[in-house]
């Protein structure tokens, strides 16, 4: 089998059909922080401005805009108060997709769901007025889409994900340690990976948090990886390193493997929870709609 998996040569629109996009527009990415931005958008920032969303009152000071005086409050209290509003600003959403070979090995379900899910999340952000950048990584950042916005940005985003290939070794920590891999301004970062990284995942995710990012980790694995059904003498090949290992898969060995994987998955989830990182476990066999409208909503990553 070739050590490369490609999503196909169809148009970018083949990732997400128009009917699905119409349903998708009912969802929004959830920001647990009020993010300071630079242009008008649909996500609230801490900057007080002139949007229509009321925030609070404060006392009037000489030089303030008299148009913001609440005359009804003045009539009741005999004092001048100003209405303040939350200025609605865009935020930056950063999408990081693991495109190492383990993400596309054997079953196309895993890689296909990965690109569809990330494309859908990017579409959500763009639809609601935010800016989006995207990165594919293995041992290093392989491809990047610089910040895009609006309808033109949607087409560029879909083309970016549709063109990705899955090959080579993966190393999340190493990739995110590269210059320019971590954003310089606060925003939302979503990382999707199977977590099979020789150096781990902790430092990379911590670096994103250290840069002021609200981080979410989507942990995508296949049923075959969590609960293999093989029996007997099997020769295993590490698809990323090429290393081979002969194993006799007896029931006790399979039980030990499943328990080891369970502990690994639980550790990732617990570590993310302690750090305040949104953790979402996704199976490659899950339908895209189930992931978006059920799993991600329950996790708090998106809302209706």
Foldseek 3Di string as FASTA:
>chain_A
DDQKDALDDDALCVLPPPVRLVVLLVKAFDDPAAFDADAAFAGFHPDWDDDPAWDDKDFDDPPDDPVQWDVVVCVVPVGTIGIIHTGHHAFEEEEEEEQASQQCPPDNLRLSLRLSLSLSNCSNSQSRWHWYKYFYFALATDDIRPIDHHPVRSSVSSVVSNGDMHYAHHAQLNHLVDPPNADQGEGEYEYEDLQPHPVTHVNSQVVNVVSNYQYAYENEDEPCQQQNPDAAWDWDADSHPRDIDIDHDDPVNRVVSNVVVVVVVVVVVVVCVVVNYQYFYDYSPDDSCCCSVPRCVVSSRMHD
